[in-house]
PDB file of N, CA and C in Angstrom:
ATOM      1  N   MET A   1     259.554 -19.582   0.953  1.00  0.00           N
ATOM      2  CA  MET A   1     260.705 -19.836   0.123  1.00  0.00           C
ATOM      3  C   MET A   1     261.960 -19.414   0.875  1.00  0.00           C
ATOM      4  N   THR A   2     262.901 -20.321   0.983  1.00  0.00           N
ATOM      5  CA  THR A   2     264.133 -19.999   1.677  1.00  0.00           C
ATOM      6  C   THR A   2     265.329 -20.532   0.910  1.00  0.00           C
ATOM      7  N   LYS A   3     266.455 -19.960   1.196  1.00  0.00           N
ATOM      8  CA  LYS A   3     267.698 -20.431   0.600  1.00  0.00           C
ATOM      9  C   LYS A   3     268.834 -20.031   1.533  1.00  0.00           C
ATOM     10  N   ALA A   4     269.671 -20.984   1.867  1.00  0.00           N
ATOM     11  CA  ALA A   4     270.830 -20.679   2.715  1.00  0.00           C
ATOM     12  C   ALA A   4     271.823 -19.868   1.902  1.00  0.00           C
ATOM     13  N   VAL A   5     272.383 -18.852   2.522  1.00  0.00           N
ATOM     14  CA  VAL A   5     273.412 -18.036   1.885  1.00  0.00           C
ATOM     15  C   VAL A   5     274.670 -18.115   2.738  1.00  0.00           C
ATOM     16  N   GLU A   6     275.629 -17.308   2.410  1.00  0.00           N
ATOM     17  CA  GLU A   6     276.923 -17.283   3.092  1.00  0.00           C
ATOM     18  C   GLU A   6     276.782 -17.478   4.601  1.00  0.00           C
ATOM     19  N   GLY A   7     277.579 -18.387   5.137  1.00  0.00           N
ATOM     20  CA  GLY A   7     277.580 -18.605   6.572  1.00  0.00           C
ATOM     21  C   GLY A   7     276.361 -19.353   7.077  1.00  0.00           C
ATOM     22  N   GLY A   8     275.550 -19.933   6.188  1.00  0.00           N
ATOM     23  CA  GLY A   8     274.367 -20.664   6.605  1.00  0.00           C
ATOM     24  C   GLY A   8     273.183 -19.766   6.911  1.00  0.00           C
ATOM     25  N   ASN A   9     273.330 -18.466   6.733  1.00  0.00           N
ATOM     26  CA  ASN A   9     272.216 -17.555   6.970  1.00  0.00           C
ATOM     27  C   ASN A   9     271.175 -17.737   5.886  1.00  0.00           C
ATOM     28  N   VAL A  10     269.984 -17.278   6.164  1.00  0.00           N
ATOM     29  CA  VAL A  10     268.859 -17.524   5.270  1.00  0.00           C
ATOM     30  C   VAL A  10     268.117 -16.220   4.987  1.00  0.00           C
ATOM     31  N   ILE A  11     267.705 -16.048   3.738  1.00  0.00           N
ATOM     32  CA  ILE A  11     266.783 -14.976   3.378  1.00  0.00           C
ATOM     33  C   ILE A  11     265.488 -15.663   2.963  1.00  0.00           C
ATOM     34  N   ARG A  12     264.403 -15.276   3.585  1.00  0.00           N
ATOM     35  CA  ARG A  12     263.088 -15.853   3.308  1.00  0.00           C
ATOM     36  C   ARG A  12     262.176 -14.783   2.720  1.00  0.00           C
ATOM     37  N   THR A  13     261.102 -15.239   2.093  1.00  0.00           N
ATOM     38  CA  THR A  13     260.003 -14.343   1.726  1.00  0.00           C
ATOM     39  C   THR A  13     258.742 -14.902   2.358  1.00  0.00           C
ATOM     40  N   LYS A  14     257.825 -13.993   2.705  1.00  0.00           N
ATOM     41  CA  LYS A  14     256.608 -14.425   3.402  1.00  0.00           C
ATOM     42  C   LYS A  14     255.549 -13.338   3.279  1.00  0.00           C
ATOM     43  N   ARG A  15     254.299 -13.766   3.168  1.00  0.00           N
ATOM     44  CA  ARG A  15     253.216 -12.776   3.179  1.00  0.00           C
ATOM     45  C   ARG A  15     253.152 -12.132   4.555  1.00  0.00           C
ATOM     46  N   VAL A  16     253.000 -10.837   4.576  1.00  0.00           N
ATOM     47  CA  VAL A  16     252.986 -10.093   5.828  1.00  0.00           C
ATOM     48  C   VAL A  16     251.760 -10.459   6.683  1.00  0.00           C
ATOM     49  N   TYR A  17     250.725 -11.021   6.070  1.00  0.00           N
ATOM     50  CA  TYR A  17     249.516 -11.400   6.795  1.00  0.00           C
ATOM     51  C   TYR A  17     249.674 -12.719   7.548  1.00  0.00           C
ATOM     52  N   GLN A  18     250.748 -13.464   7.269  1.00  0.00           N
ATOM     53  CA  GLN A  18     251.018 -14.693   8.014  1.00  0.00           C
ATOM     54  C   GLN A  18     251.615 -14.331   9.369  1.00  0.00           C
ATOM     55  N   ALA A  19     251.305 -15.131  10.369  1.00  0.00           N
ATOM     56  CA  ALA A  19     251.768 -14.842  11.729  1.00  0.00           C
ATOM     57  C   ALA A  19     253.295 -14.865  11.812  1.00  0.00           C
ATOM     58  N   PRO A  20     253.859 -13.951  12.588  1.00  0.00           N
ATOM     59  CA  PRO A  20     255.302 -13.981  12.814  1.00  0.00           C
ATOM     60  C   PRO A  20     255.715 -15.303  13.459  1.00  0.00           C
ATOM     61  N   SER A  21     256.939 -15.717  13.153  1.00  0.00           N
ATOM     62  CA  SER A  21     257.479 -16.955  13.685  1.00  0.00           C
ATOM     63  C   SER A  21     258.911 -16.701  14.139  1.00  0.00           C
ATOM     64  N   PRO A  22     259.372 -17.420  15.170  1.00  0.00           N
ATOM     65  CA  PRO A  22     260.773 -17.271  15.579  1.00  0.00           C
ATOM     66  C   PRO A  22     261.745 -17.602  14.438  1.00  0.00           C
ATOM     67  N   LYS A  23     261.340 -18.445  13.488  1.00  0.00           N
ATOM     68  CA  LYS A  23     262.182 -18.806  12.351  1.00  0.00           C
ATOM     69  C   LYS A  23     262.384 -17.639  11.383  1.00  0.00           C
ATOM     70  N   ASP A  24     261.542 -16.586  11.496  1.00  0.00           N
ATOM     71  CA  ASP A  24     261.626 -15.441  10.585  1.00  0.00           C
ATOM     72  C   ASP A  24     262.891 -14.616  10.777  1.00  0.00           C
ATOM     73  N   GLY A  25     263.464 -14.642  11.956  1.00  0.00           N
ATOM     74  CA  GLY A  25     264.599 -13.765  12.225  1.00  0.00           C
ATOM     75  C   GLY A  25     264.150 -12.308  12.160  1.00  0.00           C
ATOM     76  N   LYS A  26     264.944 -11.461  11.518  1.00  0.00           N
ATOM     77  CA  LYS A  26     264.569 -10.051  11.332  1.00  0.00           C
ATOM     78  C   LYS A  26     263.521  -9.973  10.231  1.00  0.00           C
ATOM     79  N   ARG A  27     262.441  -9.256  10.501  1.00  0.00           N
ATOM     80  CA  ARG A  27     261.308  -9.160   9.563  1.00  0.00           C
ATOM     81  C   ARG A  27     261.227  -7.746   8.988  1.00  0.00           C
ATOM     82  N   PHE A  28     261.359  -7.650   7.656  1.00  0.00           N
ATOM     83  CA  PHE A  28     261.321  -6.350   6.991  1.00  0.00           C
ATOM     84  C   PHE A  28     260.208  -6.322   5.958  1.00  0.00           C
ATOM     85  N   LEU A  29     259.313  -5.352   6.086  1.00  0.00           N
ATOM     86  CA  LEU A  29     258.307  -5.112   5.056  1.00  0.00           C
ATOM     87  C   LEU A  29     259.012  -4.412   3.900  1.00  0.00           C
ATOM     88  N   VAL A  30     258.840  -4.949   2.684  1.00  0.00           N
ATOM     89  CA  VAL A  30     259.526  -4.389   1.519  1.00  0.00           C
ATOM     90  C   VAL A  30     258.533  -3.922   0.452  1.00  0.00           C
ATOM     91  N   ASP A  31     257.342  -3.528   0.886  1.00  0.00           N
ATOM     92  CA  ASP A  31     256.338  -2.926   0.007  1.00  0.00           C
ATOM     93  C   ASP A  31     256.326  -1.427   0.235  1.00  0.00           C
ATOM     94  N   ARG A  32     255.964  -0.687  -0.786  1.00  0.00           N
ATOM     95  CA  ARG A  32     255.918   0.768  -0.679  1.00  0.00           C
ATOM     96  C   ARG A  32     254.670   1.229   0.090  1.00  0.00           C
ATOM     97  N   LEU A  33     253.592   0.467  -0.032  1.00  0.00           N
ATOM     98  CA  LEU A  33     252.335   0.816   0.631  1.00  0.00           C
ATOM     99  C   LEU A  33     252.117  -0.078   1.845  1.00  0.00           C
ATOM    100  N   TRP A  34     251.533   0.516   2.918  1.00  0.00           N
ATOM    101  CA  TRP A  34     251.237  -0.281   4.105  1.00  0.00           C
ATOM    102  C   TRP A  34     250.106  -1.267   3.771  1.00  0.00           C
ATOM    103  N   PRO A  35     250.214  -2.528   4.199  1.00  0.00           N
ATOM    104  CA  PRO A  35     249.189  -3.547   3.900  1.00  0.00           C
ATOM    105  C   PRO A  35     247.836  -3.205   4.544  1.00  0.00           C
ATOM    106  N   ARG A  36     246.790  -3.381   3.766  1.00  0.00           N
ATOM    107  CA  ARG A  36     245.434  -3.090   4.249  1.00  0.00           C
ATOM    108  C   ARG A  36     245.056  -3.975   5.424  1.00  0.00           C
ATOM    109  N   GLY A  37     244.420  -3.350   6.406  1.00  0.00           N
ATOM    110  CA  GLY A  37     243.856  -4.087   7.525  1.00  0.00           C
ATOM    111  C   GLY A  37     244.861  -4.701   8.478  1.00  0.00           C
ATOM    112  N   LEU A  38     246.101  -4.294   8.427  1.00  0.00           N
ATOM    113  CA  LEU A  38     247.132  -4.874   9.283  1.00  0.00           C
ATOM    114  C   LEU A  38     247.652  -3.812  10.243  1.00  0.00           C
ATOM    115  N   SER A  39     247.627  -4.133  11.527  1.00  0.00           N
ATOM    116  CA  SER A  39     248.166  -3.188  12.507  1.00  0.00           C
ATOM    117  C   SER A  39     249.683  -3.334  12.559  1.00  0.00           C
ATOM    118  N   LYS A  40     250.348  -2.272  12.924  1.00  0.00           N
ATOM    119  CA  LYS A  40     251.811  -2.317  13.028  1.00  0.00           C
ATOM    120  C   LYS A  40     252.237  -3.310  14.103  1.00  0.00           C
ATOM    121  N   ASN A  41     251.455  -3.418  15.164  1.00  0.00           N
ATOM    122  CA  ASN A  41     251.780  -4.355  16.228  1.00  0.00           C
ATOM    123  C   ASN A  41     251.696  -5.802  15.732  1.00  0.00           C
ATOM    124  N   ARG A  42     250.654  -6.132  14.990  1.00  0.00           N
ATOM    125  CA  ARG A  42     250.464  -7.488  14.473  1.00  0.00           C
ATOM    126  C   ARG A  42     251.531  -7.854  13.436  1.00  0.00           C
ATOM    127  N   ALA A  43     252.054  -6.872  12.730  1.00  0.00           N
ATOM    128  CA  ALA A  43     253.048  -7.136  11.692  1.00  0.00           C
ATOM    129  C   ALA A  43     254.369  -7.625  12.278  1.00  0.00           C
ATOM    130  N   GLY A  44     254.699  -7.191  13.476  1.00  0.00           N
ATOM    131  CA  GLY A  44     255.926  -7.635  14.138  1.00  0.00           C
ATOM    132  C   GLY A  44     257.191  -7.347  13.342  1.00  0.00           C
ATOM    133  N   LEU A  45     257.317  -6.119  12.868  1.00  0.00           N
ATOM    134  CA  LEU A  45     258.430  -5.759  11.983  1.00  0.00           C
ATOM    135  C   LEU A  45     259.700  -5.367  12.725  1.00  0.00           C
ATOM    136  N   SER A  46     260.813  -5.679  12.083  1.00  0.00           N
ATOM    137  CA  SER A  46     262.106  -5.130  12.495  1.00  0.00           C
ATOM    138  C   SER A  46     262.339  -3.809  11.771  1.00  0.00           C
ATOM    139  N   GLY A  47     261.660  -3.649  10.634  1.00  0.00           N
ATOM    140  CA  GLY A  47     261.776  -2.420   9.863  1.00  0.00           C
ATOM    141  C   GLY A  47     260.892  -2.445   8.633  1.00  0.00           C
ATOM    142  N   TRP A  48     260.650  -1.257   8.107  1.00  0.00           N
ATOM    143  CA  TRP A  48     259.881  -1.101   6.872  1.00  0.00           C
ATOM    144  C   TRP A  48     260.806  -0.379   5.895  1.00  0.00           C
ATOM    145  N   VAL A  49     261.222  -1.080   4.861  1.00  0.00           N
ATOM    146  CA  VAL A  49     262.167  -0.530   3.895  1.00  0.00           C
ATOM    147  C   VAL A  49     261.414  -0.257   2.595  1.00  0.00           C
ATOM    148  N   LYS A  50     260.548   0.752   2.640  1.00  0.00           N
ATOM    149  CA  LYS A  50     259.694   1.024   1.475  1.00  0.00           C
ATOM    150  C   LYS A  50     260.481   1.494   0.259  1.00  0.00           C
ATOM    151  N   GLU A  51     261.660   2.083   0.490  1.00  0.00           N
ATOM    152  CA  GLU A  51     262.478   2.549  -0.637  1.00  0.00           C
ATOM    153  C   GLU A  51     263.075   1.388  -1.434  1.00  0.00           C
ATOM    154  N   ALA A  52     263.020   0.167  -0.870  1.00  0.00           N
ATOM    155  CA  ALA A  52     263.501  -1.019  -1.584  1.00  0.00           C
ATOM    156  C   ALA A  52     262.440  -1.564  -2.539  1.00  0.00           C
ATOM    157  N   ALA A  53     261.224  -1.076  -2.424  1.00  0.00           N
ATOM    158  CA  ALA A  53     260.124  -1.530  -3.281  1.00  0.00           C
ATOM    159  C   ALA A  53     260.247  -0.900  -4.675  1.00  0.00           C
ATOM    160  N   PRO A  54     259.561  -1.482  -5.647  1.00  0.00           N
ATOM    161  CA  PRO A  54     259.566  -0.872  -6.989  1.00  0.00           C
ATOM    162  C   PRO A  54     258.988   0.543  -6.940  1.00  0.00           C
ATOM    163  N   THR A  55     259.388   1.364  -7.889  1.00  0.00           N
ATOM    164  CA  THR A  55     258.804   2.705  -7.986  1.00  0.00           C
ATOM    165  C   THR A  55     257.300   2.567  -8.217  1.00  0.00           C
ATOM    166  N   PRO A  56     256.533   3.588  -7.841  1.00  0.00           N
ATOM    167  CA  PRO A  56     255.088   3.517  -8.089  1.00  0.00           C
ATOM    168  C   PRO A  56     254.757   3.251  -9.560  1.00  0.00           C
ATOM    169  N   GLU A  57     255.535   3.833 -10.452  1.00  0.00           N
ATOM    170  CA  GLU A  57     255.278   3.633 -11.886  1.00  0.00           C
ATOM    171  C   GLU A  57     255.467   2.169 -12.286  1.00  0.00           C
ATOM    172  N   LEU A  58     256.537   1.558 -11.822  1.00  0.00           N
ATOM    173  CA  LEU A  58     256.783   0.157 -12.156  1.00  0.00           C
ATOM    174  C   LEU A  58     255.748  -0.745 -11.499  1.00  0.00           C
ATOM    175  N   ARG A  59     255.409  -0.459 -10.254  1.00  0.00           N
ATOM    176  CA  ARG A  59     254.404  -1.261  -9.535  1.00  0.00           C
ATOM    177  C   ARG A  59     253.065  -1.229 -10.264  1.00  0.00           C
ATOM    178  N   LYS A  60     252.647  -0.045 -10.685  1.00  0.00           N
ATOM    179  CA  LYS A  60     251.366   0.084 -11.400  1.00  0.00           C
ATOM    180  C   LYS A  60     251.429  -0.594 -12.758  1.00  0.00           C
ATOM    181  N   TRP A  61     252.552  -0.453 -13.467  1.00  0.00           N
ATOM    182  CA  TRP A  61     252.687  -1.092 -14.773  1.00  0.00           C
ATOM    183  C   TRP A  61     252.576  -2.607 -14.627  1.00  0.00           C
ATOM    184  N   PHE A  62     253.257  -3.179 -13.639  1.00  0.00           N
ATOM    185  CA  PHE A  62     253.263  -4.630 -13.446  1.00  0.00           C
ATOM    186  C   PHE A  62     251.878  -5.134 -13.056  1.00  0.00           C
ATOM    187  N   GLY A  63     251.258  -4.511 -12.082  1.00  0.00           N
ATOM    188  CA  GLY A  63     249.920  -4.903 -11.665  1.00  0.00           C
ATOM    189  C   GLY A  63     249.796  -6.374 -11.298  1.00  0.00           C
ATOM    190  N   HIS A  64     250.880  -7.011 -10.896  1.00  0.00           N
ATOM    191  CA  HIS A  64     250.916  -8.434 -10.530  1.00  0.00           C
ATOM    192  C   HIS A  64     250.404  -9.340 -11.641  1.00  0.00           C
ATOM    193  N   ASP A  65     250.663  -8.934 -12.879  1.00  0.00           N
ATOM    194  CA  ASP A  65     250.281  -9.725 -14.052  1.00  0.00           C
ATOM    195  C   ASP A  65     251.423 -10.696 -14.372  1.00  0.00           C
ATOM    196  N   PRO A  66     251.222 -12.006 -14.160  1.00  0.00           N
ATOM    197  CA  PRO A  66     252.292 -12.976 -14.419  1.00  0.00           C
ATOM    198  C   PRO A  66     252.854 -12.918 -15.846  1.00  0.00           C
ATOM    199  N   LYS A  67     252.063 -12.432 -16.798  1.00  0.00           N
ATOM    200  CA  LYS A  67     252.551 -12.315 -18.178  1.00  0.00           C
ATOM    201  C   LYS A  67     253.651 -11.260 -18.291  1.00  0.00           C
ATOM    202  N   LYS A  68     253.693 -10.323 -17.350  1.00  0.00           N
ATOM    203  CA  LYS A  68     254.703  -9.260 -17.353  1.00  0.00           C
ATOM    204  C   LYS A  68     255.882  -9.582 -16.424  1.00  0.00           C
ATOM    205  N   TRP A  69     255.888 -10.774 -15.840  1.00  0.00           N
ATOM    206  CA  TRP A  69     256.864 -11.127 -14.813  1.00  0.00           C
ATOM    207  C   TRP A  69     258.317 -10.978 -15.268  1.00  0.00           C
ATOM    208  N   LEU A  70     258.661 -11.549 -16.392  1.00  0.00           N
ATOM    209  CA  LEU A  70     260.057 -11.488 -16.847  1.00  0.00           C
ATOM    210  C   LEU A  70     260.524 -10.055 -17.068  1.00  0.00           C
ATOM    211  N   GLU A  71     259.687  -9.242 -17.689  1.00  0.00           N
ATOM    212  CA  GLU A  71     260.054  -7.838 -17.915  1.00  0.00           C
ATOM    213  C   GLU A  71     260.082  -7.070 -16.592  1.00  0.00           C
ATOM    214  N   PHE A  72     259.149  -7.384 -15.681  1.00  0.00           N
ATOM    215  CA  PHE A  72     259.145  -6.746 -14.367  1.00  0.00           C
ATOM    216  C   PHE A  72     260.457  -7.027 -13.636  1.00  0.00           C
ATOM    217  N   LYS A  73     260.892  -8.294 -13.629  1.00  0.00           N
ATOM    218  CA  LYS A  73     262.148  -8.642 -12.951  1.00  0.00           C
ATOM    219  C   LYS A  73     263.310  -7.841 -13.515  1.00  0.00           C
ATOM    220  N   LYS A  74     263.361  -7.730 -14.821  1.00  0.00           N
ATOM    221  CA  LYS A  74     264.449  -6.985 -15.478  1.00  0.00           C
ATOM    222  C   LYS A  74     264.421  -5.511 -15.062  1.00  0.00           C
ATOM    223  N   ARG A  75     263.251  -4.899 -15.130  1.00  0.00           N
ATOM    224  CA  ARG A  75     263.138  -3.471 -14.778  1.00  0.00           C
ATOM    225  C   ARG A  75     263.405  -3.227 -13.294  1.00  0.00           C
ATOM    226  N   TYR A  76     262.896  -4.109 -12.448  1.00  0.00           N
ATOM    227  CA  TYR A  76     263.075  -3.932 -11.003  1.00  0.00           C
ATOM    228  C   TYR A  76     264.541  -4.131 -10.611  1.00  0.00           C
ATOM    229  N   ARG A  77     265.211  -5.114 -11.190  1.00  0.00           N
ATOM    230  CA  ARG A  77     266.643  -5.303 -10.921  1.00  0.00           C
ATOM    231  C   ARG A  77     267.440  -4.054 -11.304  1.00  0.00           C
ATOM    232  N   LYS A  78     267.043  -3.431 -12.406  1.00  0.00           N
ATOM    233  CA  LYS A  78     267.718  -2.194 -12.831  1.00  0.00           C
ATOM    234  C   LYS A  78     267.518  -1.106 -11.771  1.00  0.00           C
ATOM    235  N   GLU A  79     266.291  -0.988 -11.247  1.00  0.00           N
ATOM    236  CA  GLU A  79     266.035  -0.022 -10.168  1.00  0.00           C
ATOM    237  C   GLU A  79     266.885  -0.352  -8.936  1.00  0.00           C
ATOM    238  N   LEU A  80     266.926  -1.624  -8.566  1.00  0.00           N
ATOM    239  CA  LEU A  80     267.667  -2.029  -7.376  1.00  0.00           C
ATOM    240  C   LEU A  80     269.159  -1.732  -7.494  1.00  0.00           C
ATOM    241  N   SER A  81     269.679  -1.787  -8.700  1.00  0.00           N
ATOM    242  CA  SER A  81     271.112  -1.548  -8.898  1.00  0.00           C
ATOM    243  C   SER A  81     271.508  -0.111  -8.551  1.00  0.00           C
ATOM    244  N   THR A  82     270.536   0.791  -8.449  1.00  0.00           N
ATOM    245  CA  THR A  82     270.820   2.189  -8.106  1.00  0.00           C
ATOM    246  C   THR A  82     270.540   2.511  -6.638  1.00  0.00           C
ATOM    247  N   ARG A  83     270.202   1.484  -5.832  1.00  0.00           N
ATOM    248  CA  ARG A  83     269.773   1.724  -4.440  1.00  0.00           C
ATOM    249  C   ARG A  83     270.664   1.044  -3.412  1.00  0.00           C
ATOM    250  N   ARG A  84     271.942   1.086  -3.597  1.00  0.00           N
ATOM    251  CA  ARG A  84     272.855   0.387  -2.683  1.00  0.00           C
ATOM    252  C   ARG A  84     272.688   0.833  -1.231  1.00  0.00           C
ATOM    253  N   ALA A  85     272.562   2.116  -1.003  1.00  0.00           N
ATOM    254  CA  ALA A  85     272.451   2.615   0.374  1.00  0.00           C
ATOM    255  C   ALA A  85     271.163   2.136   1.035  1.00  0.00           C
ATOM    256  N   VAL A  86     270.091   2.071   0.278  1.00  0.00           N
ATOM    257  CA  VAL A  86     268.797   1.609   0.804  1.00  0.00           C
ATOM    258  C   VAL A  86     268.863   0.133   1.190  1.00  0.00           C
ATOM    259  N   LEU A  87     269.590  -0.643   0.392  1.00  0.00           N
ATOM    260  CA  LEU A  87     269.657  -2.090   0.610  1.00  0.00           C
ATOM    261  C   LEU A  87     270.681  -2.481   1.673  1.00  0.00           C
ATOM    262  N   ARG A  88     271.570  -1.582   2.028  1.00  0.00           N
ATOM    263  CA  ARG A  88     272.633  -1.900   2.979  1.00  0.00           C
ATOM    264  C   ARG A  88     272.113  -2.494   4.293  1.00  0.00           C
ATOM    265  N   PRO A  89     271.076  -1.921   4.942  1.00  0.00           N
ATOM    266  CA  PRO A  89     270.597  -2.521   6.198  1.00  0.00           C
ATOM    267  C   PRO A  89     270.079  -3.954   6.021  1.00  0.00           C
ATOM    268  N   LEU A  90     269.476  -4.238   4.888  1.00  0.00           N
ATOM    269  CA  LEU A  90     269.001  -5.600   4.632  1.00  0.00           C
ATOM    270  C   LEU A  90     270.170  -6.561   4.473  1.00  0.00           C
ATOM    271  N   LEU A  91     271.192  -6.129   3.749  1.00  0.00           N
ATOM    272  CA  LEU A  91     272.374  -6.963   3.556  1.00  0.00           C
ATOM    273  C   LEU A  91     273.105  -7.195   4.875  1.00  0.00           C
ATOM    274  N   GLU A  92     273.231  -6.153   5.681  1.00  0.00           N
ATOM    275  CA  GLU A  92     273.907  -6.291   6.972  1.00  0.00           C
ATOM    276  C   GLU A  92     273.154  -7.255   7.881  1.00  0.00           C
ATOM    277  N   ALA A  93     271.834  -7.151   7.902  1.00  0.00           N
ATOM    278  CA  ALA A  93     271.031  -8.064   8.719  1.00  0.00           C
ATOM    279  C   ALA A  93     271.166  -9.498   8.210  1.00  0.00           C
ATOM    280  N   ALA A  94     271.192  -9.685   6.900  1.00  0.00           N
ATOM    281  CA  ALA A  94     271.315 -11.020   6.312  1.00  0.00           C
ATOM    282  C   ALA A  94     272.679 -11.638   6.613  1.00  0.00           C
ATOM    283  N   ARG A  95     273.698 -10.815   6.742  1.00  0.00           N
ATOM    284  CA  ARG A  95     275.032 -11.335   7.062  1.00  0.00           C
ATOM    285  C   ARG A  95     275.106 -11.828   8.504  1.00  0.00           C
ATOM    286  N   LYS A  96     274.209 -11.324   9.354  1.00  0.00           N
ATOM    287  CA  LYS A  96     274.223 -11.683  10.778  1.00  0.00           C
ATOM    288  C   LYS A  96     273.265 -12.825  11.120  1.00  0.00           C
ATOM    289  N   GLY A  97     272.270 -13.075  10.263  1.00  0.00           N
ATOM    290  CA  GLY A  97     271.297 -14.111  10.590  1.00  0.00           C
ATOM    291  C   GLY A  97     270.174 -14.166   9.581  1.00  0.00           C
ATOM    292  N   THR A  98     269.094 -14.791   9.979  1.00  0.00           N
ATOM    293  CA  THR A  98     267.944 -14.963   9.097  1.00  0.00           C
ATOM    294  C   THR A  98     267.202 -13.645   8.920  1.00  0.00           C
ATOM    295  N   VAL A  99     266.790 -13.407   7.684  1.00  0.00           N
ATOM    296  CA  VAL A  99     265.993 -12.229   7.328  1.00  0.00           C
ATOM    297  C   VAL A  99     264.771 -12.711   6.552  1.00  0.00           C
ATOM    298  N   THR A 100     263.617 -12.151   6.892  1.00  0.00           N
ATOM    299  CA  THR A 100     262.401 -12.450   6.149  1.00  0.00           C
ATOM    300  C   THR A 100     261.902 -11.168   5.506  1.00  0.00           C
ATOM    301  N   LEU A 101     261.760 -11.220   4.181  1.00  0.00           N
ATOM    302  CA  LEU A 101     261.231 -10.094   3.410  1.00  0.00           C
ATOM    303  C   LEU A 101     259.729 -10.281   3.298  1.00  0.00           C
ATOM    304  N   LEU A 102     258.994  -9.319   3.832  1.00  0.00           N
ATOM    305  CA  LEU A 102     257.535  -9.421   3.891  1.00  0.00           C
ATOM    306  C   LEU A 102     256.881  -8.624   2.773  1.00  0.00           C
ATOM    307  N   PHE A 103     255.819  -9.192   2.212  1.00  0.00           N
ATOM    308  CA  PHE A 103     255.077  -8.575   1.117  1.00  0.00           C
ATOM    309  C   PHE A 103     253.596  -8.822   1.326  1.00  0.00           C
ATOM    310  N   ALA A 104     252.753  -8.014   0.694  1.00  0.00           N
ATOM    311  CA  ALA A 104     251.306  -8.142   0.849  1.00  0.00           C
ATOM    312  C   ALA A 104     250.631  -8.871  -0.318  1.00  0.00           C
ATOM    313  N   ALA A 105     251.294  -8.972  -1.443  1.00  0.00           N
ATOM    314  CA  ALA A 105     250.687  -9.568  -2.644  1.00  0.00           C
ATOM    315  C   ALA A 105     250.177 -10.976  -2.373  1.00  0.00           C
ATOM    316  N   LYS A 106     249.087 -11.332  -3.027  1.00  0.00           N
ATOM    317  CA  LYS A 106     248.528 -12.686  -2.898  1.00  0.00           C
ATOM    318  C   LYS A 106     249.377 -13.715  -3.633  1.00  0.00           C
ATOM    319  N   ASP A 107     249.988 -13.312  -4.728  1.00  0.00           N
ATOM    320  CA  ASP A 107     250.801 -14.213  -5.542  1.00  0.00           C
ATOM    321  C   ASP A 107     252.190 -14.333  -4.908  1.00  0.00           C
ATOM    322  N   GLU A 108     252.462 -15.490  -4.321  1.00  0.00           N
ATOM    323  CA  GLU A 108     253.716 -15.681  -3.602  1.00  0.00           C
ATOM    324  C   GLU A 108     254.914 -15.921  -4.519  1.00  0.00           C
ATOM    325  N   ALA A 109     254.660 -16.182  -5.790  1.00  0.00           N
ATOM    326  CA  ALA A 109     255.753 -16.460  -6.734  1.00  0.00           C
ATOM    327  C   ALA A 109     256.113 -15.257  -7.591  1.00  0.00           C
ATOM    328  N   HIS A 110     255.173 -14.338  -7.788  1.00  0.00           N
ATOM    329  CA  HIS A 110     255.372 -13.194  -8.684  1.00  0.00           C
ATOM    330  C   HIS A 110     255.171 -11.890  -7.918  1.00  0.00           C
ATOM    331  N   ASN A 111     256.173 -11.501  -7.128  1.00  0.00           N
ATOM    332  CA  ASN A 111     256.089 -10.248  -6.382  1.00  0.00           C
ATOM    333  C   ASN A 111     257.492  -9.691  -6.173  1.00  0.00           C
ATOM    334  N   ASN A 112     257.566  -8.448  -5.771  1.00  0.00           N
ATOM    335  CA  ASN A 112     258.856  -7.779  -5.645  1.00  0.00           C
ATOM    336  C   ASN A 112     259.777  -8.418  -4.617  1.00  0.00           C
ATOM    337  N   ALA A 113     259.240  -9.020  -3.569  1.00  0.00           N
ATOM    338  CA  ALA A 113     260.089  -9.630  -2.544  1.00  0.00           C
ATOM    339  C   ALA A 113     260.913 -10.779  -3.120  1.00  0.00           C
ATOM    340  N   VAL A 114     260.359 -11.509  -4.067  1.00  0.00           N
ATOM    341  CA  VAL A 114     261.075 -12.619  -4.704  1.00  0.00           C
ATOM    342  C   VAL A 114     262.290 -12.082  -5.464  1.00  0.00           C
ATOM    343  N   VAL A 115     262.094 -11.013  -6.213  1.00  0.00           N
ATOM    344  CA  VAL A 115     263.191 -10.405  -6.977  1.00  0.00           C
ATOM    345  C   VAL A 115     264.226  -9.809  -6.022  1.00  0.00           C
ATOM    346  N   LEU A 116     263.759  -9.126  -5.000  1.00  0.00           N
ATOM    347  CA  LEU A 116     264.664  -8.513  -4.025  1.00  0.00           C
ATOM    348  C   LEU A 116     265.489  -9.579  -3.312  1.00  0.00           C
ATOM    349  N   LYS A 117     264.878 -10.670  -2.934  1.00  0.00           N
ATOM    350  CA  LYS A 117     265.586 -11.783  -2.288  1.00  0.00           C
ATOM    351  C   LYS A 117     266.739 -12.263  -3.162  1.00  0.00           C
ATOM    352  N   ASN A 118     266.460 -12.514  -4.426  1.00  0.00           N
ATOM    353  CA  ASN A 118     267.500 -12.976  -5.352  1.00  0.00           C
ATOM    354  C   ASN A 118     268.604 -11.930  -5.507  1.00  0.00           C
ATOM    355  N   HIS A 119     268.214 -10.668  -5.562  1.00  0.00           N
ATOM    356  CA  HIS A 119     269.195  -9.579  -5.693  1.00  0.00           C
ATOM    357  C   HIS A 119     270.113  -9.539  -4.460  1.00  0.00           C
ATOM    358  N   LEU A 120     269.517  -9.619  -3.276  1.00  0.00           N
ATOM    359  CA  LEU A 120     270.310  -9.569  -2.050  1.00  0.00           C
ATOM    360  C   LEU A 120     271.252 -10.770  -1.969  1.00  0.00           C
ATOM    361  N   GLU A 121     270.746 -11.952  -2.290  1.00  0.00           N
ATOM    362  CA  GLU A 121     271.585 -13.163  -2.238  1.00  0.00           C
ATOM    363  C   GLU A 121     272.780 -13.039  -3.176  1.00  0.00           C
ATOM    364  N   SER A 122     272.585 -12.399  -4.297  1.00  0.00           N
ATOM    365  CA  SER A 122     273.694 -12.250  -5.243  1.00  0.00           C
ATOM    366  C   SER A 122     274.760 -11.265  -4.751  1.00  0.00           C
ATOM    367  N   HIS A 123     274.422 -10.476  -3.716  1.00  0.00           N
ATOM    368  CA  HIS A 123     275.367  -9.487  -3.177  1.00  0.00           C
ATOM    369  C   HIS A 123     275.951  -9.901  -1.816  1.00  0.00           C
ATOM    370  N   LEU A 124     275.654 -11.099  -1.383  1.00  0.00           N
ATOM    371  CA  LEU A 124     276.223 -11.580  -0.113  1.00  0.00           C
ATOM    372  C   LEU A 124     277.514 -12.333  -0.368  1.00  0.00           C
TER     373      LEU A 124
END
């Protein structure tokens, strides 16, 4: 999933288990937990911004249940609104070029990276 933002730059989301691509630009893992079975070398990260992930309590409550998606987005956006300093490096990278937010969840439509992407785009 991609969307052009200010200046033609792009913020993407992608499963961290997919191979890195030159189109990814800067690659940031935005999960609180390290993905199972993935080496740091294979991940090809520019950074791991675990503080941008939902709190453990919110993550456990959501449990990737699509029925809780709307409420999860609302609660997670509220958390993100208090983390400006944590999000600053992601915003700065997005202003300079393509950024890919990496996540481990199997559900590519209902995960924290999707919400974070929309939040970042709204602040560019």
